[in-house]
Amino acid sequence: MRDRVLGLSAGERTVVIAGVLLILDLLFLPWHSVDLGGLDLDIDTTRSGVQEPYGGYGVAAVVLTAVMILQIALTRLLGVRLPEPPVPWSQIHLILGIFVAVVIVIKLVRETEFLGYGAYSAILAGILVAYGGYRIASEHVPPAPSVTPTQPEDPT
């Protein structure tokens, strides 16, 4: 598989790039924006994805995405050997990726008024993180158990 850049597979690159963009989106881009109709008031009219309403969903997405990126960075880029969890890391990436996308969709659905562009770009980034987790899981398919042919028994 000549699909590796910097030692990262396509799925790992997708998680790292989309994950960094998602974290930046949730922390800094406006998820909720209110237009005050030209009034010059000293009021913050934008909220990021980790602020209310339902900021816990944004915080959960940031933390889980950071775990995915950190595991890839430590093991692939820095060569750190992490303890083996009971479930393979590839499956953990699949589960966390799906969970990140679902949490972002739930946050979006729970409050649909005054949405800013950060909400829409986070949906795309969350889906890409989930896709990257899927790619990682499909790239690390365990080898099938080898079956040795058995000789039929001689009936005599």
N, C-alpha and C. Protein backbone atom coordinates (compact mmCIF):
# COMPACT_ATOMS: atom_id res chain seq x y z
N MET A 1 0.85 -1.17 0.00
CA MET A 1 0.00 0.00 0.00
C MET A 1 0.90 1.24 0.00
N ARG A 2 1.02 1.88 -1.13
CA ARG A 2 1.87 3.06 -1.27
C ARG A 2 1.06 4.32 -1.01
N ASP A 3 0.16 4.22 -0.10
CA ASP A 3 -0.81 5.26 0.19
C ASP A 3 -0.41 6.06 1.44
N ARG A 4 0.82 5.93 1.88
CA ARG A 4 1.24 6.54 3.15
C ARG A 4 2.09 7.78 2.91
N VAL A 5 1.78 8.82 3.66
CA VAL A 5 2.55 10.05 3.66
C VAL A 5 2.91 10.31 5.12
N LEU A 6 4.19 10.54 5.39
CA LEU A 6 4.68 10.72 6.76
C LEU A 6 4.37 9.53 7.65
N GLY A 7 4.23 8.36 7.05
CA GLY A 7 3.90 7.17 7.83
C GLY A 7 2.44 7.05 8.19
N LEU A 8 1.59 7.94 7.66
CA LEU A 8 0.17 7.92 7.98
C LEU A 8 -0.61 7.33 6.81
N SER A 9 -1.58 6.50 7.13
CA SER A 9 -2.47 5.96 6.10
C SER A 9 -3.47 7.04 5.70
N ALA A 10 -4.26 6.74 4.68
CA ALA A 10 -5.27 7.71 4.21
C ALA A 10 -6.29 7.99 5.31
N GLY A 11 -6.71 6.98 6.04
CA GLY A 11 -7.66 7.17 7.13
C GLY A 11 -7.09 8.02 8.24
N GLU A 12 -5.84 7.76 8.59
CA GLU A 12 -5.19 8.54 9.65
C GLU A 12 -5.02 10.00 9.23
N ARG A 13 -4.64 10.23 7.98
CA ARG A 13 -4.53 11.61 7.49
C ARG A 13 -5.88 12.31 7.53
N THR A 14 -6.94 11.59 7.16
CA THR A 14 -8.28 12.18 7.17
C THR A 14 -8.66 12.58 8.59
N VAL A 15 -8.41 11.70 9.55
CA VAL A 15 -8.75 12.00 10.95
C VAL A 15 -7.95 13.19 11.45
N VAL A 16 -6.66 13.23 11.15
CA VAL A 16 -5.83 14.32 11.66
C VAL A 16 -6.25 15.66 11.05
N ILE A 17 -6.39 15.71 9.73
CA ILE A 17 -6.71 16.98 9.07
C ILE A 17 -8.12 17.43 9.43
N ALA A 18 -9.11 16.54 9.25
CA ALA A 18 -10.50 16.92 9.56
C ALA A 18 -10.66 17.16 11.06
N GLY A 19 -9.94 16.41 11.88
CA GLY A 19 -10.04 16.58 13.33
C GLY A 19 -9.51 17.93 13.79
N VAL A 20 -8.38 18.35 13.25
CA VAL A 20 -7.83 19.67 13.61
C VAL A 20 -8.80 20.76 13.15
N LEU A 21 -9.33 20.62 11.93
CA LEU A 21 -10.30 21.62 11.45
C LEU A 21 -11.56 21.64 12.31
N LEU A 22 -12.01 20.47 12.74
CA LEU A 22 -13.21 20.40 13.59
C LEU A 22 -12.97 21.06 14.94
N ILE A 23 -11.83 20.79 15.54
CA ILE A 23 -11.52 21.41 16.83
C ILE A 23 -11.46 22.93 16.70
N LEU A 24 -10.79 23.42 15.66
CA LEU A 24 -10.72 24.87 15.44
C LEU A 24 -12.11 25.45 15.20
N ASP A 25 -12.93 24.72 14.44
CA ASP A 25 -14.30 25.16 14.18
C ASP A 25 -15.08 25.28 15.48
N LEU A 26 -15.04 24.24 16.30
CA LEU A 26 -15.82 24.24 17.54
C LEU A 26 -15.34 25.30 18.53
N LEU A 27 -14.06 25.59 18.52
CA LEU A 27 -13.52 26.54 19.48
C LEU A 27 -13.65 28.00 19.04
N PHE A 28 -13.57 28.26 17.72
CA PHE A 28 -13.43 29.65 17.29
C PHE A 28 -14.50 30.16 16.31
N LEU A 29 -15.11 29.28 15.53
CA LEU A 29 -16.08 29.78 14.54
C LEU A 29 -17.45 29.98 15.17
N PRO A 30 -18.24 30.92 14.63
CA PRO A 30 -19.56 31.18 15.21
C PRO A 30 -20.57 30.09 14.85
N TRP A 31 -21.07 29.42 15.88
CA TRP A 31 -22.12 28.42 15.70
C TRP A 31 -23.49 29.08 15.75
N HIS A 32 -23.61 30.06 16.59
CA HIS A 32 -24.88 30.80 16.73
C HIS A 32 -24.56 32.27 16.57
N SER A 33 -25.30 32.92 15.69
CA SER A 33 -25.05 34.32 15.40
C SER A 33 -26.38 35.04 15.30
N VAL A 34 -26.48 36.17 15.97
CA VAL A 34 -27.70 36.96 15.97
C VAL A 34 -27.42 38.29 15.31
N ASP A 35 -28.24 38.67 14.35
CA ASP A 35 -28.13 39.96 13.70
C ASP A 35 -29.03 40.95 14.44
N LEU A 36 -28.44 41.99 14.99
CA LEU A 36 -29.20 42.98 15.75
C LEU A 36 -29.72 44.11 14.88
N GLY A 37 -29.69 43.92 13.57
CA GLY A 37 -30.27 44.90 12.67
C GLY A 37 -29.54 46.23 12.64
N GLY A 38 -28.23 46.20 12.75
CA GLY A 38 -27.45 47.43 12.66
C GLY A 38 -27.34 48.22 13.94
N LEU A 39 -27.88 47.72 15.04
CA LEU A 39 -27.74 48.43 16.31
C LEU A 39 -26.30 48.36 16.77
N ASP A 40 -25.78 49.46 17.26
CA ASP A 40 -24.40 49.51 17.72
C ASP A 40 -24.37 49.30 19.23
N LEU A 41 -24.55 48.05 19.64
CA LEU A 41 -24.53 47.72 21.06
C LEU A 41 -23.26 46.95 21.37
N ASP A 42 -22.80 47.07 22.59
CA ASP A 42 -21.59 46.37 23.01
C ASP A 42 -21.99 44.98 23.54
N ILE A 43 -22.50 44.12 22.62
CA ILE A 43 -22.97 42.79 22.99
C ILE A 43 -22.32 41.78 22.04
N ASP A 44 -21.85 40.68 22.61
CA ASP A 44 -21.32 39.60 21.78
C ASP A 44 -22.50 38.84 21.18
N THR A 45 -22.60 38.87 19.87
CA THR A 45 -23.75 38.25 19.20
C THR A 45 -23.41 36.90 18.57
N THR A 46 -22.23 36.37 18.86
CA THR A 46 -21.86 35.06 18.32
C THR A 46 -21.45 34.13 19.46
N ARG A 47 -21.67 32.85 19.23
CA ARG A 47 -21.27 31.82 20.19
C ARG A 47 -20.58 30.72 19.43
N SER A 48 -19.52 30.17 20.03
CA SER A 48 -18.80 29.06 19.39
C SER A 48 -19.50 27.74 19.74
N GLY A 49 -18.98 26.66 19.18
CA GLY A 49 -19.59 25.35 19.38
C GLY A 49 -19.43 24.79 20.78
N VAL A 50 -18.52 25.34 21.58
CA VAL A 50 -18.33 24.84 22.94
C VAL A 50 -19.03 25.74 23.97
N GLN A 51 -19.71 26.76 23.49
CA GLN A 51 -20.47 27.63 24.39
C GLN A 51 -21.94 27.24 24.36
N GLU A 52 -22.69 27.76 25.30
CA GLU A 52 -24.13 27.51 25.32
C GLU A 52 -24.77 28.06 24.06
N PRO A 53 -25.81 27.51 23.56
CA PRO A 53 -26.61 26.43 24.11
C PRO A 53 -26.00 25.06 23.83
N TYR A 54 -26.14 24.19 24.80
CA TYR A 54 -25.68 22.80 24.72
C TYR A 54 -24.18 22.70 24.41
N GLY A 55 -23.39 23.45 25.14
CA GLY A 55 -21.95 23.45 24.94
C GLY A 55 -21.27 22.14 25.27
N GLY A 56 -21.89 21.33 26.12
CA GLY A 56 -21.30 20.04 26.49
C GLY A 56 -21.09 19.13 25.29
N TYR A 57 -21.99 19.21 24.31
CA TYR A 57 -21.82 18.40 23.11
C TYR A 57 -20.57 18.82 22.34
N GLY A 58 -20.36 20.12 22.26
CA GLY A 58 -19.16 20.61 21.58
C GLY A 58 -17.89 20.23 22.32
N VAL A 59 -17.92 20.32 23.64
CA VAL A 59 -16.75 19.94 24.43
C VAL A 59 -16.46 18.44 24.26
N ALA A 60 -17.51 17.62 24.27
CA ALA A 60 -17.32 16.17 24.07
C ALA A 60 -16.70 15.89 22.71
N ALA A 61 -17.16 16.59 21.67
CA ALA A 61 -16.60 16.39 20.33
C ALA A 61 -15.13 16.80 20.28
N VAL A 62 -14.79 17.90 20.94
CA VAL A 62 -13.39 18.36 20.97
C VAL A 62 -12.52 17.33 21.67
N VAL A 63 -12.95 16.85 22.83
CA VAL A 63 -12.14 15.90 23.61
C VAL A 63 -11.95 14.59 22.84
N LEU A 64 -13.02 14.04 22.29
CA LEU A 64 -12.92 12.76 21.59
C LEU A 64 -12.09 12.88 20.32
N THR A 65 -12.23 13.98 19.61
CA THR A 65 -11.42 14.20 18.42
C THR A 65 -9.95 14.36 18.81
N ALA A 66 -9.69 15.07 19.89
CA ALA A 66 -8.31 15.24 20.36
C ALA A 66 -7.69 13.89 20.74
N VAL A 67 -8.47 13.00 21.33
CA VAL A 67 -7.97 11.66 21.67
C VAL A 67 -7.56 10.91 20.41
N MET A 68 -8.38 11.00 19.38
CA MET A 68 -8.07 10.32 18.12
C MET A 68 -6.78 10.87 17.52
N ILE A 69 -6.67 12.20 17.46
CA ILE A 69 -5.48 12.83 16.88
C ILE A 69 -4.25 12.52 17.71
N LEU A 70 -4.37 12.58 19.02
CA LEU A 70 -3.24 12.34 19.91
C LEU A 70 -2.73 10.91 19.77
N GLN A 71 -3.62 9.93 19.69
CA GLN A 71 -3.20 8.54 19.53
C GLN A 71 -2.42 8.36 18.22
N ILE A 72 -2.91 8.96 17.15
CA ILE A 72 -2.22 8.85 15.85
C ILE A 72 -0.87 9.54 15.92
N ALA A 73 -0.84 10.75 16.48
CA ALA A 73 0.41 11.50 16.55
C ALA A 73 1.45 10.79 17.40
N LEU A 74 1.03 10.26 18.53
CA LEU A 74 1.99 9.58 19.41
C LEU A 74 2.54 8.31 18.79
N THR A 75 1.67 7.48 18.26
CA THR A 75 2.12 6.17 17.77
C THR A 75 2.75 6.24 16.39
N ARG A 76 2.19 7.03 15.48
CA ARG A 76 2.67 7.04 14.11
C ARG A 76 3.78 8.06 13.87
N LEU A 77 3.64 9.24 14.42
CA LEU A 77 4.62 10.29 14.14
C LEU A 77 5.77 10.29 15.13
N LEU A 78 5.50 9.99 16.40
CA LEU A 78 6.55 10.03 17.41
C LEU A 78 7.06 8.65 17.80
N GLY A 79 6.39 7.60 17.37
CA GLY A 79 6.85 6.24 17.65
C GLY A 79 6.65 5.78 19.08
N VAL A 80 5.77 6.40 19.82
CA VAL A 80 5.50 6.00 21.20
C VAL A 80 4.67 4.72 21.19
N ARG A 81 5.01 3.80 22.04
CA ARG A 81 4.25 2.55 22.14
C ARG A 81 3.25 2.67 23.29
N LEU A 82 1.98 2.77 22.94
CA LEU A 82 0.92 2.88 23.95
C LEU A 82 0.48 1.49 24.38
N PRO A 83 -0.05 1.37 25.59
CA PRO A 83 -0.57 0.07 26.03
C PRO A 83 -1.71 -0.36 25.11
N GLU A 84 -1.80 -1.66 24.88
CA GLU A 84 -2.86 -2.19 24.03
C GLU A 84 -4.17 -2.24 24.82
N PRO A 85 -5.19 -1.56 24.33
CA PRO A 85 -6.50 -1.64 25.00
C PRO A 85 -7.16 -2.98 24.67
N PRO A 86 -8.22 -3.34 25.37
CA PRO A 86 -8.89 -4.61 25.09
C PRO A 86 -9.50 -4.67 23.69
N VAL A 87 -9.80 -3.51 23.12
CA VAL A 87 -10.33 -3.41 21.76
C VAL A 87 -9.22 -2.77 20.92
N PRO A 88 -8.99 -3.25 19.70
CA PRO A 88 -7.93 -2.65 18.87
C PRO A 88 -8.16 -1.15 18.63
N TRP A 89 -7.06 -0.41 18.51
CA TRP A 89 -7.16 1.03 18.29
C TRP A 89 -7.96 1.36 17.03
N SER A 90 -7.88 0.51 16.02
CA SER A 90 -8.63 0.77 14.80
C SER A 90 -10.13 0.79 15.06
N GLN A 91 -10.61 -0.11 15.90
CA GLN A 91 -12.03 -0.11 16.25
C GLN A 91 -12.39 1.07 17.15
N ILE A 92 -11.48 1.46 18.00
CA ILE A 92 -11.71 2.62 18.85
C ILE A 92 -11.87 3.87 17.98
N HIS A 93 -11.04 4.00 16.95
CA HIS A 93 -11.17 5.14 16.04
C HIS A 93 -12.51 5.12 15.32
N LEU A 94 -12.96 3.96 14.91
CA LEU A 94 -14.26 3.85 14.25
C LEU A 94 -15.38 4.30 15.19
N ILE A 95 -15.37 3.79 16.41
CA ILE A 95 -16.41 4.13 17.39
C ILE A 95 -16.37 5.61 17.75
N LEU A 96 -15.18 6.13 18.02
CA LEU A 96 -15.07 7.55 18.39
C LEU A 96 -15.45 8.46 17.22
N GLY A 97 -15.06 8.09 16.01
CA GLY A 97 -15.40 8.90 14.84
C GLY A 97 -16.90 9.01 14.65
N ILE A 98 -17.59 7.88 14.77
CA ILE A 98 -19.04 7.88 14.64
C ILE A 98 -19.67 8.69 15.78
N PHE A 99 -19.14 8.52 16.98
CA PHE A 99 -19.68 9.24 18.13
C PHE A 99 -19.50 10.75 17.97
N VAL A 100 -18.36 11.18 17.45
CA VAL A 100 -18.12 12.61 17.22
C VAL A 100 -19.15 13.17 16.25
N ALA A 101 -19.37 12.48 15.14
CA ALA A 101 -20.35 12.95 14.15
C ALA A 101 -21.75 13.01 14.74
N VAL A 102 -22.12 11.99 15.52
CA VAL A 102 -23.46 11.95 16.11
C VAL A 102 -23.63 13.08 17.14
N VAL A 103 -22.62 13.32 17.94
CA VAL A 103 -22.70 14.39 18.96
C VAL A 103 -22.87 15.75 18.29
N ILE A 104 -22.17 15.97 17.19
CA ILE A 104 -22.30 17.26 16.50
C ILE A 104 -23.69 17.41 15.90
N VAL A 105 -24.22 16.35 15.32
CA VAL A 105 -25.58 16.41 14.77
C VAL A 105 -26.59 16.66 15.89
N ILE A 106 -26.42 15.99 17.02
CA ILE A 106 -27.33 16.21 18.15
C ILE A 106 -27.27 17.67 18.61
N LYS A 107 -26.07 18.23 18.71
CA LYS A 107 -25.94 19.64 19.11
C LYS A 107 -26.65 20.54 18.11
N LEU A 108 -26.51 20.25 16.84
CA LEU A 108 -27.15 21.07 15.82
C LEU A 108 -28.66 20.96 15.89
N VAL A 109 -29.18 19.75 16.09
CA VAL A 109 -30.62 19.53 16.10
C VAL A 109 -31.28 20.12 17.34
N ARG A 110 -30.58 20.12 18.46
CA ARG A 110 -31.18 20.62 19.70
C ARG A 110 -31.42 22.13 19.67
N GLU A 111 -30.64 22.87 18.90
CA GLU A 111 -30.84 24.32 18.81
C GLU A 111 -30.59 24.74 17.37
N THR A 112 -31.67 24.98 16.64
CA THR A 112 -31.56 25.27 15.21
C THR A 112 -31.76 26.74 14.87
N GLU A 113 -31.92 27.59 15.85
CA GLU A 113 -32.14 29.00 15.57
C GLU A 113 -30.82 29.77 15.53
N PHE A 114 -30.75 30.74 14.66
CA PHE A 114 -29.63 31.66 14.54
C PHE A 114 -28.31 30.93 14.29
N LEU A 115 -28.31 29.92 13.44
CA LEU A 115 -27.09 29.15 13.18
C LEU A 115 -26.10 29.97 12.36
N GLY A 116 -24.84 29.90 12.75
CA GLY A 116 -23.77 30.53 12.01
C GLY A 116 -23.10 29.52 11.10
N TYR A 117 -22.16 29.98 10.29
CA TYR A 117 -21.50 29.10 9.33
C TYR A 117 -20.64 28.03 10.01
N GLY A 118 -20.23 28.25 11.24
CA GLY A 118 -19.44 27.26 11.96
C GLY A 118 -20.21 25.97 12.20
N ALA A 119 -21.52 26.07 12.37
CA ALA A 119 -22.34 24.87 12.59
C ALA A 119 -22.35 23.99 11.36
N TYR A 120 -22.45 24.61 10.20
CA TYR A 120 -22.51 23.82 8.96
C TYR A 120 -21.15 23.22 8.60
N SER A 121 -20.09 23.98 8.80
CA SER A 121 -18.77 23.43 8.50
C SER A 121 -18.37 22.35 9.50
N ALA A 122 -18.88 22.43 10.73
CA ALA A 122 -18.59 21.38 11.72
C ALA A 122 -19.27 20.07 11.35
N ILE A 123 -20.44 20.14 10.75
CA ILE A 123 -21.11 18.92 10.30
C ILE A 123 -20.24 18.21 9.28
N LEU A 124 -19.72 18.96 8.30
CA LEU A 124 -18.86 18.37 7.29
C LEU A 124 -17.60 17.78 7.92
N ALA A 125 -16.95 18.53 8.80
CA ALA A 125 -15.73 18.05 9.44
C ALA A 125 -16.02 16.83 10.31
N GLY A 126 -17.15 16.81 11.01
CA GLY A 126 -17.50 15.66 11.83
C GLY A 126 -17.73 14.41 11.00
N ILE A 127 -18.38 14.57 9.85
CA ILE A 127 -18.58 13.44 8.96
C ILE A 127 -17.24 12.93 8.43
N LEU A 128 -16.33 13.85 8.13
CA LEU A 128 -15.01 13.43 7.66
C LEU A 128 -14.21 12.72 8.75
N VAL A 129 -14.35 13.14 9.99
CA VAL A 129 -13.68 12.43 11.10
C VAL A 129 -14.24 11.02 11.21
N ALA A 130 -15.56 10.89 11.11
CA ALA A 130 -16.17 9.55 11.16
C ALA A 130 -15.71 8.69 9.99
N TYR A 131 -15.62 9.29 8.80
CA TYR A 131 -15.14 8.55 7.63
C TYR A 131 -13.69 8.13 7.82
N GLY A 132 -12.87 9.01 8.39
CA GLY A 132 -11.48 8.65 8.67
C GLY A 132 -11.38 7.50 9.65
N GLY A 133 -12.24 7.50 10.68
CA GLY A 133 -12.28 6.37 11.62
C GLY A 133 -12.67 5.08 10.93
N TYR A 134 -13.63 5.17 10.00
CA TYR A 134 -14.03 4.00 9.22
C TYR A 134 -12.88 3.51 8.36
N ARG A 135 -12.17 4.44 7.72
CA ARG A 135 -11.03 4.04 6.89
C ARG A 135 -9.94 3.37 7.71
N ILE A 136 -9.67 3.91 8.89
CA ILE A 136 -8.66 3.30 9.76
C ILE A 136 -9.07 1.87 10.12
N ALA A 137 -10.34 1.69 10.47
CA ALA A 137 -10.82 0.35 10.83
C ALA A 137 -10.74 -0.61 9.65
N SER A 138 -11.04 -0.12 8.45
CA SER A 138 -10.99 -1.02 7.28
C SER A 138 -9.56 -1.26 6.81
N GLU A 139 -8.64 -0.35 7.11
CA GLU A 139 -7.24 -0.54 6.74
C GLU A 139 -6.54 -1.55 7.64
N HIS A 140 -7.02 -1.70 8.85
CA HIS A 140 -6.39 -2.58 9.83
C HIS A 140 -7.24 -3.83 10.08
N VAL A 141 -7.66 -4.46 9.00
CA VAL A 141 -8.45 -5.68 9.14
C VAL A 141 -7.50 -6.80 9.58
N PRO A 142 -7.85 -7.51 10.66
CA PRO A 142 -6.96 -8.58 11.10
C PRO A 142 -6.92 -9.69 10.05
N PRO A 143 -5.78 -10.35 9.92
CA PRO A 143 -5.68 -11.42 8.93
C PRO A 143 -6.63 -12.57 9.27
N ALA A 144 -7.14 -13.18 8.23
CA ALA A 144 -8.03 -14.31 8.43
C ALA A 144 -7.24 -15.49 8.98
N PRO A 145 -7.86 -16.28 9.86
CA PRO A 145 -7.14 -17.44 10.39
C PRO A 145 -6.83 -18.42 9.27
N SER A 146 -5.62 -18.93 9.32
CA SER A 146 -5.22 -19.86 8.27
C SER A 146 -5.83 -21.24 8.56
N VAL A 147 -6.33 -21.83 7.52
CA VAL A 147 -6.94 -23.15 7.63
C VAL A 147 -6.06 -24.11 6.87
N THR A 148 -5.59 -25.11 7.57
CA THR A 148 -4.77 -26.12 6.90
C THR A 148 -5.68 -27.24 6.44
N PRO A 149 -5.52 -27.63 5.19
CA PRO A 149 -6.38 -28.71 4.70
C PRO A 149 -6.06 -30.01 5.44
N THR A 150 -7.09 -30.70 5.77
CA THR A 150 -6.89 -31.97 6.45
C THR A 150 -7.03 -33.11 5.45
N GLN A 151 -6.30 -34.14 5.71
CA GLN A 151 -6.35 -35.32 4.85
C GLN A 151 -7.54 -36.17 5.27
N PRO A 152 -8.32 -36.62 4.30
CA PRO A 152 -9.42 -37.50 4.68
C PRO A 152 -8.86 -38.80 5.28
N GLU A 153 -9.56 -39.28 6.26
CA GLU A 153 -9.10 -40.50 6.90
C GLU A 153 -9.30 -41.70 5.97
N ASP A 154 -8.36 -42.59 6.05
CA ASP A 154 -8.41 -43.79 5.22
C ASP A 154 -9.39 -44.76 5.86
N PRO A 155 -10.47 -45.13 5.14
CA PRO A 155 -11.49 -45.99 5.76
C PRO A 155 -11.00 -47.42 6.03
N THR A 156 -9.86 -47.82 5.51
CA THR A 156 -9.39 -49.19 5.72
C THR A 156 -8.66 -49.42 6.97
